[in-house]
Amino acid sequence: MGELIHIREKALRRDIARSHARDRDSLRRAVDLIKRNLHATAVEIVDAPAQAQPQLLDRAEKFIALIRYGMRMLGEDGDDHDSRISLD
């Protein structure tokens, strides 16, 4: 009976580890997508008329906040490095 419990606990730990790996991959993809959106917004700001720039800057700030939050969730604190976020 003890061996059966041990096998079930081991399978449960394995399933949890797989689930966490999928969650991390999904979060990493989301952060990458937000980085691409930030890049597109930055490109748009360059050619935008002056009256549209405040809205675009606000959008960029929100993207930056989301990226930082996602990086913290991934254990990659963006504030420890340069104050700029790499768009790579």
PDB file of N, CA and C in Angstrom:
ATOM      1  N   MET A   1       0.828  -1.191   0.000  1.00  0.00           N
ATOM      2  CA  MET A   1       0.000   0.000   0.000  1.00  0.00           C
ATOM      3  C   MET A   1       0.871   1.253   0.000  1.00  0.00           C
ATOM      4  N   GLY A   2       1.931   1.244   0.772  1.00  0.00           N
ATOM      5  CA  GLY A   2       2.846   2.376   0.836  1.00  0.00           C
ATOM      6  C   GLY A   2       3.509   2.639  -0.501  1.00  0.00           C
ATOM      7  N   GLU A   3       3.829   1.563  -1.215  1.00  0.00           N
ATOM      8  CA  GLU A   3       4.462   1.703  -2.532  1.00  0.00           C
ATOM      9  C   GLU A   3       3.508   2.372  -3.523  1.00  0.00           C
ATOM     10  N   LEU A   4       2.228   2.038  -3.457  1.00  0.00           N
ATOM     11  CA  LEU A   4       1.228   2.636  -4.335  1.00  0.00           C
ATOM     12  C   LEU A   4       1.101   4.141  -4.061  1.00  0.00           C
ATOM     13  N   ILE A   5       1.091   4.515  -2.811  1.00  0.00           N
ATOM     14  CA  ILE A   5       1.025   5.934  -2.442  1.00  0.00           C
ATOM     15  C   ILE A   5       2.269   6.657  -2.956  1.00  0.00           C
ATOM     16  N   HIS A   6       3.438   6.026  -2.813  1.00  0.00           N
ATOM     17  CA  HIS A   6       4.683   6.626  -3.289  1.00  0.00           C
ATOM     18  C   HIS A   6       4.636   6.847  -4.805  1.00  0.00           C
ATOM     19  N   ILE A   7       4.116   5.885  -5.541  1.00  0.00           N
ATOM     20  CA  ILE A   7       4.013   5.999  -7.003  1.00  0.00           C
ATOM     21  C   ILE A   7       3.054   7.122  -7.376  1.00  0.00           C
ATOM     22  N   ARG A   8       1.919   7.208  -6.682  1.00  0.00           N
ATOM     23  CA  ARG A   8       0.951   8.267  -6.968  1.00  0.00           C
ATOM     24  C   ARG A   8       1.534   9.645  -6.650  1.00  0.00           C
ATOM     25  N   GLU A   9       2.251   9.773  -5.534  1.00  0.00           N
ATOM     26  CA  GLU A   9       2.862  11.051  -5.179  1.00  0.00           C
ATOM     27  C   GLU A   9       3.912  11.462  -6.208  1.00  0.00           C
ATOM     28  N   LYS A  10       4.670  10.493  -6.680  1.00  0.00           N
ATOM     29  CA  LYS A  10       5.689  10.768  -7.692  1.00  0.00           C
ATOM     30  C   LYS A  10       5.028  11.217  -8.993  1.00  0.00           C
ATOM     31  N   ALA A  11       3.941  10.572  -9.383  1.00  0.00           N
ATOM     32  CA  ALA A  11       3.219  10.953 -10.599  1.00  0.00           C
ATOM     33  C   ALA A  11       2.614  12.344 -10.446  1.00  0.00           C
ATOM     34  N   LEU A  12       2.099  12.642  -9.278  1.00  0.00           N
ATOM     35  CA  LEU A  12       1.525  13.960  -9.022  1.00  0.00           C
ATOM     36  C   LEU A  12       2.597  15.050  -9.114  1.00  0.00           C
ATOM     37  N   ARG A  13       3.761  14.824  -8.533  1.00  0.00           N
ATOM     38  CA  ARG A  13       4.872  15.796  -8.618  1.00  0.00           C
ATOM     39  C   ARG A  13       5.294  16.004 -10.074  1.00  0.00           C
ATOM     40  N   ARG A  14       5.332  14.926 -10.838  1.00  0.00           N
ATOM     41  CA  ARG A  14       5.699  15.017 -12.250  1.00  0.00           C
ATOM     42  C   ARG A  14       4.664  15.842 -13.012  1.00  0.00           C
ATOM     43  N   ASP A  15       3.374  15.583 -12.755  1.00  0.00           N
ATOM     44  CA  ASP A  15       2.311  16.325 -13.435  1.00  0.00           C
ATOM     45  C   ASP A  15       2.347  17.803 -13.072  1.00  0.00           C
ATOM     46  N   ILE A  16       2.621  18.103 -11.815  1.00  0.00           N
ATOM     47  CA  ILE A  16       2.713  19.498 -11.375  1.00  0.00           C
ATOM     48  C   ILE A  16       3.898  20.185 -12.055  1.00  0.00           C
ATOM     49  N   ALA A  17       5.020  19.498 -12.141  1.00  0.00           N
ATOM     50  CA  ALA A  17       6.202  20.065 -12.796  1.00  0.00           C
ATOM     51  C   ALA A  17       5.915  20.351 -14.269  1.00  0.00           C
ATOM     52  N   ARG A  18       5.223  19.446 -14.941  1.00  0.00           N
ATOM     53  CA  ARG A  18       4.870  19.666 -16.349  1.00  0.00           C
ATOM     54  C   ARG A  18       3.935  20.860 -16.500  1.00  0.00           C
ATOM     55  N   SER A  19       2.978  20.964 -15.591  1.00  0.00           N
ATOM     56  CA  SER A  19       2.029  22.072 -15.628  1.00  0.00           C
ATOM     57  C   SER A  19       2.752  23.402 -15.426  1.00  0.00           C
ATOM     58  N   HIS A  20       3.687  23.442 -14.486  1.00  0.00           N
ATOM     59  CA  HIS A  20       4.451  24.668 -14.244  1.00  0.00           C
ATOM     60  C   HIS A  20       5.294  25.028 -15.457  1.00  0.00           C
ATOM     61  N   ALA A  21       5.858  24.027 -16.114  1.00  0.00           N
ATOM     62  CA  ALA A  21       6.668  24.282 -17.307  1.00  0.00           C
ATOM     63  C   ALA A  21       5.795  24.874 -18.418  1.00  0.00           C
ATOM     64  N   ARG A  22       4.584  24.341 -18.586  1.00  0.00           N
ATOM     65  CA  ARG A  22       3.662  24.887 -19.594  1.00  0.00           C
ATOM     66  C   ARG A  22       3.271  26.321 -19.249  1.00  0.00           C
ATOM     67  N   ASP A  23       3.025  26.567 -17.961  1.00  0.00           N
ATOM     68  CA  ASP A  23       2.668  27.918 -17.531  1.00  0.00           C
ATOM     69  C   ASP A  23       3.803  28.902 -17.806  1.00  0.00           C
ATOM     70  N   ARG A  24       5.042  28.490 -17.512  1.00  0.00           N
ATOM     71  CA  ARG A  24       6.196  29.353 -17.764  1.00  0.00           C
ATOM     72  C   ARG A  24       6.355  29.621 -19.258  1.00  0.00           C
ATOM     73  N   ASP A  25       6.176  28.599 -20.071  1.00  0.00           N
ATOM     74  CA  ASP A  25       6.281  28.779 -21.523  1.00  0.00           C
ATOM     75  C   ASP A  25       5.207  29.746 -22.025  1.00  0.00           C
ATOM     76  N   SER A  26       4.012  29.595 -21.522  1.00  0.00           N
ATOM     77  CA  SER A  26       2.913  30.472 -21.919  1.00  0.00           C
ATOM     78  C   SER A  26       3.192  31.911 -21.490  1.00  0.00           C
ATOM     79  N   LEU A  27       3.674  32.086 -20.276  1.00  0.00           N
ATOM     80  CA  LEU A  27       3.998  33.416 -19.782  1.00  0.00           C
ATOM     81  C   LEU A  27       5.133  34.034 -20.588  1.00  0.00           C
ATOM     82  N   ARG A  28       6.141  33.246 -20.905  1.00  0.00           N
ATOM     83  CA  ARG A  28       7.261  33.740 -21.709  1.00  0.00           C
ATOM     84  C   ARG A  28       6.775  34.193 -23.090  1.00  0.00           C
ATOM     85  N   ARG A  29       5.865  33.415 -23.703  1.00  0.00           N
ATOM     86  CA  ARG A  29       5.315  33.809 -25.007  1.00  0.00           C
ATOM     87  C   ARG A  29       4.510  35.102 -24.892  1.00  0.00           C
ATOM     88  N   ALA A  30       3.757  35.241 -23.796  1.00  0.00           N
ATOM     89  CA  ALA A  30       2.981  36.465 -23.584  1.00  0.00           C
ATOM     90  C   ALA A  30       3.897  37.674 -23.438  1.00  0.00           C
ATOM     91  N   VAL A  31       4.966  37.535 -22.671  1.00  0.00           N
ATOM     92  CA  VAL A  31       5.920  38.637 -22.498  1.00  0.00           C
ATOM     93  C   VAL A  31       6.554  38.984 -23.841  1.00  0.00           C
ATOM     94  N   ASP A  32       6.908  37.990 -24.621  1.00  0.00           N
ATOM     95  CA  ASP A  32       7.490  38.244 -25.948  1.00  0.00           C
ATOM     96  C   ASP A  32       6.506  38.992 -26.850  1.00  0.00           C
ATOM     97  N   LEU A  33       5.242  38.621 -26.797  1.00  0.00           N
ATOM     98  CA  LEU A  33       4.223  39.293 -27.587  1.00  0.00           C
ATOM     99  C   LEU A  33       4.074  40.753 -27.157  1.00  0.00           C
ATOM    100  N   ILE A  34       4.067  40.987 -25.864  1.00  0.00           N
ATOM    101  CA  ILE A  34       3.950  42.361 -25.362  1.00  0.00           C
ATOM    102  C   ILE A  34       5.180  43.176 -25.764  1.00  0.00           C
ATOM    103  N   LYS A  35       6.353  42.561 -25.765  1.00  0.00           N
ATOM    104  CA  LYS A  35       7.557  43.266 -26.226  1.00  0.00           C
ATOM    105  C   LYS A  35       7.420  43.673 -27.690  1.00  0.00           C
ATOM    106  N   ARG A  36       6.865  42.789 -28.504  1.00  0.00           N
ATOM    107  CA  ARG A  36       6.665  43.130 -29.921  1.00  0.00           C
ATOM    108  C   ARG A  36       5.660  44.272 -30.062  1.00  0.00           C
ATOM    109  N   ASN A  37       4.618  44.253 -29.231  1.00  0.00           N
ATOM    110  CA  ASN A  37       3.640  45.344 -29.251  1.00  0.00           C
ATOM    111  C   ASN A  37       4.274  46.659 -28.803  1.00  0.00           C
ATOM    112  N   LEU A  38       5.146  46.596 -27.806  1.00  0.00           N
ATOM    113  CA  LEU A  38       5.860  47.792 -27.357  1.00  0.00           C
ATOM    114  C   LEU A  38       6.731  48.332 -28.491  1.00  0.00           C
ATOM    115  N   HIS A  39       7.417  47.453 -29.173  1.00  0.00           N
ATOM    116  CA  HIS A  39       8.262  47.869 -30.289  1.00  0.00           C
ATOM    117  C   HIS A  39       7.422  48.542 -31.375  1.00  0.00           C
ATOM    118  N   ALA A  40       6.290  47.956 -31.716  1.00  0.00           N
ATOM    119  CA  ALA A  40       5.411  48.536 -32.734  1.00  0.00           C
ATOM    120  C   ALA A  40       4.904  49.906 -32.292  1.00  0.00           C
ATOM    121  N   THR A  41       4.586  50.047 -31.019  1.00  0.00           N
ATOM    122  CA  THR A  41       4.125  51.334 -30.498  1.00  0.00           C
ATOM    123  C   THR A  41       5.240  52.371 -30.566  1.00  0.00           C
ATOM    124  N   ALA A  42       6.464  51.967 -30.235  1.00  0.00           N
ATOM    125  CA  ALA A  42       7.605  52.885 -30.300  1.00  0.00           C
ATOM    126  C   ALA A  42       7.827  53.365 -31.731  1.00  0.00           C
ATOM    127  N   VAL A  43       7.703  52.471 -32.682  1.00  0.00           N
ATOM    128  CA  VAL A  43       7.850  52.844 -34.092  1.00  0.00           C
ATOM    129  C   VAL A  43       6.736  53.813 -34.491  1.00  0.00           C
ATOM    130  N   GLU A  44       5.540  53.554 -33.997  1.00  0.00           N
ATOM    131  CA  GLU A  44       4.393  54.402 -34.316  1.00  0.00           C
ATOM    132  C   GLU A  44       4.547  55.809 -33.725  1.00  0.00           C
ATOM    133  N   ILE A  45       5.139  55.894 -32.534  1.00  0.00           N
ATOM    134  CA  ILE A  45       5.328  57.190 -31.873  1.00  0.00           C
ATOM    135  C   ILE A  45       6.200  58.112 -32.725  1.00  0.00           C
ATOM    136  N   VAL A  46       7.199  57.560 -33.369  1.00  0.00           N
ATOM    137  CA  VAL A  46       8.145  58.364 -34.153  1.00  0.00           C
ATOM    138  C   VAL A  46       7.429  59.194 -35.220  1.00  0.00           C
ATOM    139  N   ASP A  47       6.478  58.600 -35.897  1.00  0.00           N
ATOM    140  CA  ASP A  47       5.800  59.286 -36.996  1.00  0.00           C
ATOM    141  C   ASP A  47       4.439  59.869 -36.613  1.00  0.00           C
ATOM    142  N   ALA A  48       4.044  59.702 -35.371  1.00  0.00           N
ATOM    143  CA  ALA A  48       2.712  60.152 -34.955  1.00  0.00           C
ATOM    144  C   ALA A  48       2.677  61.668 -34.799  1.00  0.00           C
ATOM    145  N   PRO A  49       1.528  62.255 -35.094  1.00  0.00           N
ATOM    146  CA  PRO A  49       1.381  63.691 -34.842  1.00  0.00           C
ATOM    147  C   PRO A  49       1.430  63.964 -33.335  1.00  0.00           C
ATOM    148  N   ALA A  50       1.768  65.176 -32.981  1.00  0.00           N
ATOM    149  CA  ALA A  50       1.958  65.539 -31.570  1.00  0.00           C
ATOM    150  C   ALA A  50       0.734  65.230 -30.714  1.00  0.00           C
ATOM    151  N   GLN A  51      -0.463  65.430 -31.245  1.00  0.00           N
ATOM    152  CA  GLN A  51      -1.663  65.193 -30.442  1.00  0.00           C
ATOM    153  C   GLN A  51      -1.905  63.709 -30.165  1.00  0.00           C
ATOM    154  N   ALA A  52      -1.326  62.806 -30.955  1.00  0.00           N
ATOM    155  CA  ALA A  52      -1.499  61.360 -30.749  1.00  0.00           C
ATOM    156  C   ALA A  52      -0.418  60.781 -29.836  1.00  0.00           C
ATOM    157  N   GLN A  53       0.661  61.496 -29.635  1.00  0.00           N
ATOM    158  CA  GLN A  53       1.784  60.957 -28.872  1.00  0.00           C
ATOM    159  C   GLN A  53       1.471  60.670 -27.405  1.00  0.00           C
ATOM    160  N   PRO A  54       0.708  61.514 -26.696  1.00  0.00           N
ATOM    161  CA  PRO A  54       0.408  61.176 -25.293  1.00  0.00           C
ATOM    162  C   PRO A  54      -0.297  59.831 -25.138  1.00  0.00           C
ATOM    163  N   GLN A  55      -1.241  59.550 -26.013  1.00  0.00           N
ATOM    164  CA  GLN A  55      -1.953  58.270 -25.947  1.00  0.00           C
ATOM    165  C   GLN A  55      -0.994  57.112 -26.237  1.00  0.00           C
ATOM    166  N   LEU A  56      -0.121  57.288 -27.211  1.00  0.00           N
ATOM    167  CA  LEU A  56       0.833  56.233 -27.542  1.00  0.00           C
ATOM    168  C   LEU A  56       1.845  56.037 -26.426  1.00  0.00           C
ATOM    169  N   LEU A  57       2.280  57.127 -25.802  1.00  0.00           N
ATOM    170  CA  LEU A  57       3.210  57.011 -24.672  1.00  0.00           C
ATOM    171  C   LEU A  57       2.555  56.298 -23.498  1.00  0.00           C
ATOM    172  N   ASP A  58       1.276  56.584 -23.268  1.00  0.00           N
ATOM    173  CA  ASP A  58       0.537  55.892 -22.207  1.00  0.00           C
ATOM    174  C   ASP A  58       0.468  54.398 -22.501  1.00  0.00           C
ATOM    175  N   ARG A  59       0.207  54.055 -23.759  1.00  0.00           N
ATOM    176  CA  ARG A  59       0.165  52.649 -24.164  1.00  0.00           C
ATOM    177  C   ARG A  59       1.529  51.988 -23.933  1.00  0.00           C
ATOM    178  N   ALA A  60       2.607  52.700 -24.303  1.00  0.00           N
ATOM    179  CA  ALA A  60       3.956  52.159 -24.118  1.00  0.00           C
ATOM    180  C   ALA A  60       4.247  51.928 -22.633  1.00  0.00           C
ATOM    181  N   GLU A  61       3.844  52.862 -21.786  1.00  0.00           N
ATOM    182  CA  GLU A  61       4.058  52.706 -20.341  1.00  0.00           C
ATOM    183  C   GLU A  61       3.330  51.486 -19.802  1.00  0.00           C
ATOM    184  N   LYS A  62       2.134  51.245 -20.290  1.00  0.00           N
ATOM    185  CA  LYS A  62       1.369  50.065 -19.851  1.00  0.00           C
ATOM    186  C   LYS A  62       2.055  48.781 -20.309  1.00  0.00           C
ATOM    187  N   PHE A  63       2.555  48.780 -21.543  1.00  0.00           N
ATOM    188  CA  PHE A  63       3.286  47.613 -22.032  1.00  0.00           C
ATOM    189  C   PHE A  63       4.530  47.360 -21.177  1.00  0.00           C
ATOM    190  N   ILE A  64       5.251  48.421 -20.852  1.00  0.00           N
ATOM    191  CA  ILE A  64       6.462  48.275 -20.029  1.00  0.00           C
ATOM    192  C   ILE A  64       6.113  47.696 -18.660  1.00  0.00           C
ATOM    193  N   ALA A  65       5.035  48.184 -18.064  1.00  0.00           N
ATOM    194  CA  ALA A  65       4.611  47.655 -16.758  1.00  0.00           C
ATOM    195  C   ALA A  65       4.259  46.172 -16.861  1.00  0.00           C
ATOM    196  N   LEU A  66       3.560  45.785 -17.921  1.00  0.00           N
ATOM    197  CA  LEU A  66       3.203  44.377 -18.104  1.00  0.00           C
ATOM    198  C   LEU A  66       4.439  43.507 -18.316  1.00  0.00           C
ATOM    199  N   ILE A  67       5.392  44.027 -19.070  1.00  0.00           N
ATOM    200  CA  ILE A  67       6.625  43.277 -19.314  1.00  0.00           C
ATOM    201  C   ILE A  67       7.380  43.073 -18.011  1.00  0.00           C
ATOM    202  N   ARG A  68       7.518  44.132 -17.228  1.00  0.00           N
ATOM    203  CA  ARG A  68       8.213  44.008 -15.933  1.00  0.00           C
ATOM    204  C   ARG A  68       7.516  43.003 -15.014  1.00  0.00           C
ATOM    205  N   TYR A  69       6.190  43.068 -14.983  1.00  0.00           N
ATOM    206  CA  TYR A  69       5.430  42.140 -14.146  1.00  0.00           C
ATOM    207  C   TYR A  69       5.660  40.698 -14.607  1.00  0.00           C
ATOM    208  N   GLY A  70       5.578  40.478 -15.919  1.00  0.00           N
ATOM    209  CA  GLY A  70       5.811  39.137 -16.454  1.00  0.00           C
ATOM    210  C   GLY A  70       7.213  38.640 -16.172  1.00  0.00           C
ATOM    211  N   MET A  71       8.192  39.537 -16.297  1.00  0.00           N
ATOM    212  CA  MET A  71       9.578  39.143 -16.025  1.00  0.00           C
ATOM    213  C   MET A  71       9.763  38.783 -14.552  1.00  0.00           C
ATOM    214  N   ARG A  72       9.102  39.531 -13.674  1.00  0.00           N
ATOM    215  CA  ARG A  72       9.181  39.186 -12.244  1.00  0.00           C
ATOM    216  C   ARG A  72       8.560  37.818 -11.981  1.00  0.00           C
ATOM    217  N   MET A  73       7.443  37.545 -12.644  1.00  0.00           N
ATOM    218  CA  MET A  73       6.791  36.241 -12.465  1.00  0.00           C
ATOM    219  C   MET A  73       7.692  35.118 -12.962  1.00  0.00           C
ATOM    220  N   LEU A  74       8.491  35.413 -13.983  1.00  0.00           N
ATOM    221  CA  LEU A  74       9.421  34.415 -14.518  1.00  0.00           C
ATOM    222  C   LEU A  74      10.719  34.357 -13.712  1.00  0.00           C
ATOM    223  N   GLY A  75      10.860  35.258 -12.756  1.00  0.00           N
ATOM    224  CA  GLY A  75      12.084  35.287 -11.955  1.00  0.00           C
ATOM    225  C   GLY A  75      13.206  36.031 -12.631  1.00  0.00           C
ATOM    226  N   GLU A  76      12.878  36.832 -13.635  1.00  0.00           N
ATOM    227  CA  GLU A  76      13.859  37.621 -14.371  1.00  0.00           C
ATOM    228  C   GLU A  76      13.583  39.087 -14.098  1.00  0.00           C
ATOM    229  N   ASP A  77      14.043  39.584 -12.981  1.00  0.00           N
ATOM    230  CA  ASP A  77      13.757  40.956 -12.580  1.00  0.00           C
ATOM    231  C   ASP A  77      14.453  41.928 -13.515  1.00  0.00           C
ATOM    232  N   GLY A  78      13.687  42.605 -14.337  1.00  0.00           N
ATOM    233  CA  GLY A  78      14.236  43.551 -15.301  1.00  0.00           C
ATOM    234  C   GLY A  78      14.867  44.760 -14.666  1.00  0.00           C
ATOM    235  N   ASP A  79      14.536  45.064 -13.405  1.00  0.00           N
ATOM    236  CA  ASP A  79      15.088  46.238 -12.739  1.00  0.00           C
ATOM    237  C   ASP A  79      16.517  46.028 -12.274  1.00  0.00           C
ATOM    238  N   ASP A  80      16.992  44.792 -12.212  1.00  0.00           N
ATOM    239  CA  ASP A  80      18.362  44.522 -11.774  1.00  0.00           C
ATOM    240  C   ASP A  80      19.377  44.841 -12.862  1.00  0.00           C
ATOM    241  N   HIS A  81      18.923  44.898 -14.091  1.00  0.00           N
ATOM    242  CA  HIS A  81      19.821  45.120 -15.214  1.00  0.00           C
ATOM    243  C   HIS A  81      19.774  46.583 -15.601  1.00  0.00           C
ATOM    244  N   ASP A  82      19.797  46.841 -16.838  1.00  0.00           N
ATOM    245  CA  ASP A  82      19.686  48.184 -17.358  1.00  0.00           C
ATOM    246  C   ASP A  82      18.252  48.658 -17.177  1.00  0.00           C
ATOM    247  N   SER A  83      18.041  49.958 -17.128  1.00  0.00           N
ATOM    248  CA  SER A  83      16.695  50.480 -16.954  1.00  0.00           C
ATOM    249  C   SER A  83      15.865  50.326 -18.225  1.00  0.00           C
ATOM    250  N   ARG A  84      16.520  49.976 -19.322  1.00  0.00           N
ATOM    251  CA  ARG A  84      15.800  49.746 -20.571  1.00  0.00           C
ATOM    252  C   ARG A  84      15.501  48.266 -20.723  1.00  0.00           C
ATOM    253  N   ILE A  85      14.393  47.968 -21.365  1.00  0.00           N
ATOM    254  CA  ILE A  85      14.004  46.575 -21.594  1.00  0.00           C
ATOM    255  C   ILE A  85      14.412  46.201 -23.004  1.00  0.00           C
ATOM    256  N   SER A  86      15.123  45.109 -23.138  1.00  0.00           N
ATOM    257  CA  SER A  86      15.563  44.638 -24.446  1.00  0.00           C
ATOM    258  C   SER A  86      14.366  44.179 -25.260  1.00  0.00           C
ATOM    259  N   LEU A  87      14.334  44.553 -26.510  1.00  0.00           N
ATOM    260  CA  LEU A  87      13.251  44.139 -27.390  1.00  0.00           C
ATOM    261  C   LEU A  87      13.627  42.941 -28.222  1.00  0.00           C
ATOM    262  N   ASP A  88      14.713  42.252 -27.867  1.00  0.00           N
ATOM    263  CA  ASP A  88      15.164  41.079 -28.604  1.00  0.00           C
ATOM    264  C   ASP A  88      14.226  39.925 -28.435  1.00  0.00           C
TER     265      ASP A  88
END
